């Protein structure tokens, strides 16, 4: 994820990491992860996928606060 505006709180395998505008965080394959906006400013981030398979049918929702499960 590339944060282009605001600040992101990324939870990566149970550890909270703050990612600010202009910073990048890599999400390893198989890692449990989520992102949230801890501030008042809009959070804008870009997800960049790389590799030979870019599908999303392998997503496993561990927790869904938004009713998408």
N, C-alpha and C. Protein backbone atom coordinates (compact mmCIF):
# COMPACT_ATOMS: atom_id res chain seq x y z
N UNK A 1 0.84 -1.16 0.00
CA UNK A 1 0.00 0.00 0.00
C UNK A 1 0.89 1.23 0.00
N UNK A 2 0.51 2.23 -0.81
CA UNK A 2 1.20 3.52 -0.88
C UNK A 2 0.22 4.56 -0.35
N UNK A 3 0.58 5.24 0.71
CA UNK A 3 -0.29 6.26 1.26
C UNK A 3 -0.01 7.57 0.53
N UNK A 4 -1.05 8.10 -0.13
CA UNK A 4 -0.86 9.34 -0.89
C UNK A 4 -1.48 10.55 -0.19
N UNK A 5 -2.33 10.32 0.81
CA UNK A 5 -2.88 11.42 1.61
C UNK A 5 -3.33 10.87 2.96
N UNK A 6 -3.12 11.65 3.99
CA UNK A 6 -3.53 11.24 5.32
C UNK A 6 -2.54 10.31 5.98
N UNK A 7 -3.02 9.64 7.01
CA UNK A 7 -2.20 8.70 7.77
C UNK A 7 -2.99 7.41 7.93
N UNK A 8 -2.34 6.30 7.72
CA UNK A 8 -2.98 4.99 7.85
C UNK A 8 -2.47 4.28 9.10
N UNK A 9 -3.38 3.60 9.76
CA UNK A 9 -2.99 2.66 10.82
C UNK A 9 -3.18 1.27 10.21
N UNK A 10 -2.08 0.59 9.96
CA UNK A 10 -2.11 -0.74 9.36
C UNK A 10 -1.88 -1.76 10.46
N UNK A 11 -2.78 -2.71 10.54
CA UNK A 11 -2.59 -3.84 11.45
C UNK A 11 -2.09 -4.99 10.61
N UNK A 12 -0.88 -5.42 10.88
CA UNK A 12 -0.21 -6.47 10.10
C UNK A 12 0.19 -7.58 11.05
N UNK A 13 -0.50 -8.71 10.92
CA UNK A 13 -0.28 -9.86 11.81
C UNK A 13 -0.30 -9.45 13.28
N UNK A 14 -1.29 -8.61 13.65
CA UNK A 14 -1.49 -8.23 15.04
C UNK A 14 -0.68 -7.04 15.53
N UNK A 15 0.20 -6.51 14.70
CA UNK A 15 1.04 -5.36 15.10
C UNK A 15 0.54 -4.11 14.39
N UNK A 16 0.31 -3.02 15.13
CA UNK A 16 -0.13 -1.75 14.54
C UNK A 16 1.08 -0.95 14.06
N UNK A 17 0.97 -0.48 12.82
CA UNK A 17 2.05 0.29 12.19
C UNK A 17 1.43 1.55 11.60
N UNK A 18 2.01 2.70 11.89
CA UNK A 18 1.55 3.96 11.32
C UNK A 18 2.29 4.21 10.01
N UNK A 19 1.53 4.50 8.96
CA UNK A 19 2.10 4.77 7.65
C UNK A 19 1.60 6.15 7.23
N UNK A 20 2.53 7.08 7.03
CA UNK A 20 2.20 8.46 6.71
C UNK A 20 2.24 8.72 5.21
N UNK A 21 1.74 9.89 4.83
CA UNK A 21 1.75 10.30 3.42
C UNK A 21 3.14 10.14 2.82
N UNK A 22 3.21 9.50 1.66
CA UNK A 22 4.47 9.29 0.96
C UNK A 22 5.19 8.01 1.36
N UNK A 23 4.67 7.31 2.36
CA UNK A 23 5.31 6.07 2.80
C UNK A 23 4.60 4.85 2.21
N UNK A 24 5.30 3.73 2.26
CA UNK A 24 4.83 2.48 1.66
C UNK A 24 4.95 1.38 2.70
N UNK A 25 4.01 0.43 2.66
CA UNK A 25 4.14 -0.76 3.49
C UNK A 25 3.87 -1.98 2.60
N UNK A 26 4.72 -2.98 2.71
CA UNK A 26 4.55 -4.23 1.97
C UNK A 26 3.77 -5.20 2.83
N UNK A 27 2.80 -5.86 2.22
CA UNK A 27 2.00 -6.87 2.89
C UNK A 27 2.45 -8.23 2.35
N UNK A 28 3.11 -9.04 3.16
CA UNK A 28 3.58 -10.35 2.68
C UNK A 28 2.40 -11.28 2.35
N UNK A 29 2.62 -12.19 1.45
CA UNK A 29 1.61 -13.19 1.10
C UNK A 29 1.21 -13.95 2.36
N UNK A 30 -0.10 -14.07 2.57
CA UNK A 30 -0.62 -14.82 3.70
C UNK A 30 -0.71 -14.06 5.00
N UNK A 31 -0.26 -12.82 5.03
CA UNK A 31 -0.29 -12.04 6.27
C UNK A 31 -1.70 -11.51 6.53
N UNK A 32 -2.16 -11.61 7.77
CA UNK A 32 -3.43 -10.99 8.16
C UNK A 32 -3.20 -9.48 8.22
N UNK A 33 -4.08 -8.72 7.56
CA UNK A 33 -3.86 -7.28 7.50
C UNK A 33 -5.18 -6.52 7.37
N UNK A 34 -5.16 -5.28 7.84
CA UNK A 34 -6.28 -4.36 7.65
C UNK A 34 -5.75 -2.95 7.75
N UNK A 35 -6.52 -2.00 7.25
CA UNK A 35 -6.11 -0.60 7.28
C UNK A 35 -7.27 0.22 7.83
N UNK A 36 -6.93 1.26 8.58
CA UNK A 36 -7.95 2.17 9.08
C UNK A 36 -7.41 3.59 9.10
N UNK A 37 -8.31 4.54 9.14
CA UNK A 37 -7.95 5.95 9.19
C UNK A 37 -8.10 6.43 10.63
N UNK A 38 -6.99 6.68 11.33
CA UNK A 38 -7.08 7.11 12.72
C UNK A 38 -7.27 8.61 12.89
N UNK A 39 -7.26 9.36 11.79
CA UNK A 39 -7.29 10.82 11.90
C UNK A 39 -8.54 11.46 11.34
N UNK A 40 -8.52 12.78 11.27
CA UNK A 40 -9.64 13.56 10.75
C UNK A 40 -9.52 13.81 9.25
N UNK A 41 -8.30 13.76 8.73
CA UNK A 41 -8.06 13.98 7.30
C UNK A 41 -8.42 12.72 6.52
N UNK A 42 -8.91 12.89 5.30
CA UNK A 42 -9.19 11.73 4.45
C UNK A 42 -7.92 10.91 4.24
N UNK A 43 -8.08 9.59 4.25
CA UNK A 43 -6.99 8.68 3.95
C UNK A 43 -7.16 8.20 2.52
N UNK A 44 -6.10 8.36 1.74
CA UNK A 44 -6.09 7.86 0.37
C UNK A 44 -4.85 6.98 0.22
N UNK A 45 -5.08 5.73 -0.18
CA UNK A 45 -3.94 4.85 -0.41
C UNK A 45 -4.18 4.05 -1.67
N UNK A 46 -3.09 3.60 -2.27
CA UNK A 46 -3.13 2.82 -3.49
C UNK A 46 -2.59 1.43 -3.20
N UNK A 47 -3.34 0.42 -3.61
CA UNK A 47 -2.86 -0.95 -3.47
C UNK A 47 -2.18 -1.36 -4.77
N UNK A 48 -0.94 -1.77 -4.65
CA UNK A 48 -0.17 -2.22 -5.81
C UNK A 48 0.08 -3.71 -5.63
N UNK A 49 -0.42 -4.51 -6.58
CA UNK A 49 -0.19 -5.95 -6.53
C UNK A 49 0.90 -6.30 -7.53
N UNK A 50 1.69 -7.29 -7.17
CA UNK A 50 2.73 -7.75 -8.08
C UNK A 50 2.85 -9.26 -7.96
N UNK A 51 3.30 -9.88 -9.01
CA UNK A 51 3.43 -11.33 -9.03
C UNK A 51 2.73 -11.92 -10.23
N UNK A 52 2.64 -13.21 -10.26
CA UNK A 52 2.05 -13.88 -11.42
C UNK A 52 0.54 -14.02 -11.32
N UNK A 53 -0.02 -13.94 -10.10
CA UNK A 53 -1.46 -14.05 -9.91
C UNK A 53 -1.97 -12.82 -9.17
N UNK A 54 -2.94 -12.12 -9.76
CA UNK A 54 -3.43 -10.88 -9.18
C UNK A 54 -4.92 -10.95 -8.86
N UNK A 55 -5.49 -12.14 -8.84
CA UNK A 55 -6.90 -12.29 -8.52
C UNK A 55 -7.18 -12.02 -7.05
N UNK A 56 -8.47 -11.89 -6.74
CA UNK A 56 -8.86 -11.62 -5.35
C UNK A 56 -9.75 -12.72 -4.80
N UNK A 57 -9.81 -13.86 -5.46
CA UNK A 57 -10.68 -14.93 -4.99
C UNK A 57 -10.06 -15.72 -3.85
N UNK A 58 -8.86 -15.35 -3.44
CA UNK A 58 -8.19 -16.02 -2.32
C UNK A 58 -8.34 -15.26 -1.01
N UNK A 59 -9.14 -14.20 -0.99
CA UNK A 59 -9.32 -13.39 0.22
C UNK A 59 -10.10 -14.18 1.26
N UNK A 60 -9.59 -14.18 2.47
CA UNK A 60 -10.26 -14.81 3.60
C UNK A 60 -10.50 -13.74 4.65
N UNK A 61 -11.76 -13.38 4.87
CA UNK A 61 -12.08 -12.33 5.83
C UNK A 61 -12.04 -12.91 7.25
N UNK A 62 -11.13 -12.40 8.06
CA UNK A 62 -11.00 -12.86 9.43
C UNK A 62 -11.96 -12.12 10.35
N UNK A 63 -12.24 -10.87 10.01
CA UNK A 63 -13.18 -10.03 10.75
C UNK A 63 -13.69 -9.00 9.78
N UNK A 64 -15.00 -8.74 9.80
CA UNK A 64 -15.56 -7.76 8.87
C UNK A 64 -16.54 -6.88 9.63
N UNK A 65 -16.12 -5.65 9.88
CA UNK A 65 -16.96 -4.70 10.60
C UNK A 65 -17.99 -4.02 9.70
N UNK A 66 -17.98 -4.36 8.39
CA UNK A 66 -18.80 -3.64 7.43
C UNK A 66 -19.80 -4.53 6.70
N UNK A 67 -20.02 -5.75 7.15
CA UNK A 67 -21.04 -6.62 6.58
C UNK A 67 -20.74 -7.18 5.21
N UNK A 68 -19.48 -7.30 4.83
CA UNK A 68 -19.14 -7.82 3.50
C UNK A 68 -18.94 -9.33 3.50
N UNK A 69 -18.84 -9.94 4.66
CA UNK A 69 -18.52 -11.39 4.73
C UNK A 69 -19.62 -12.25 4.13
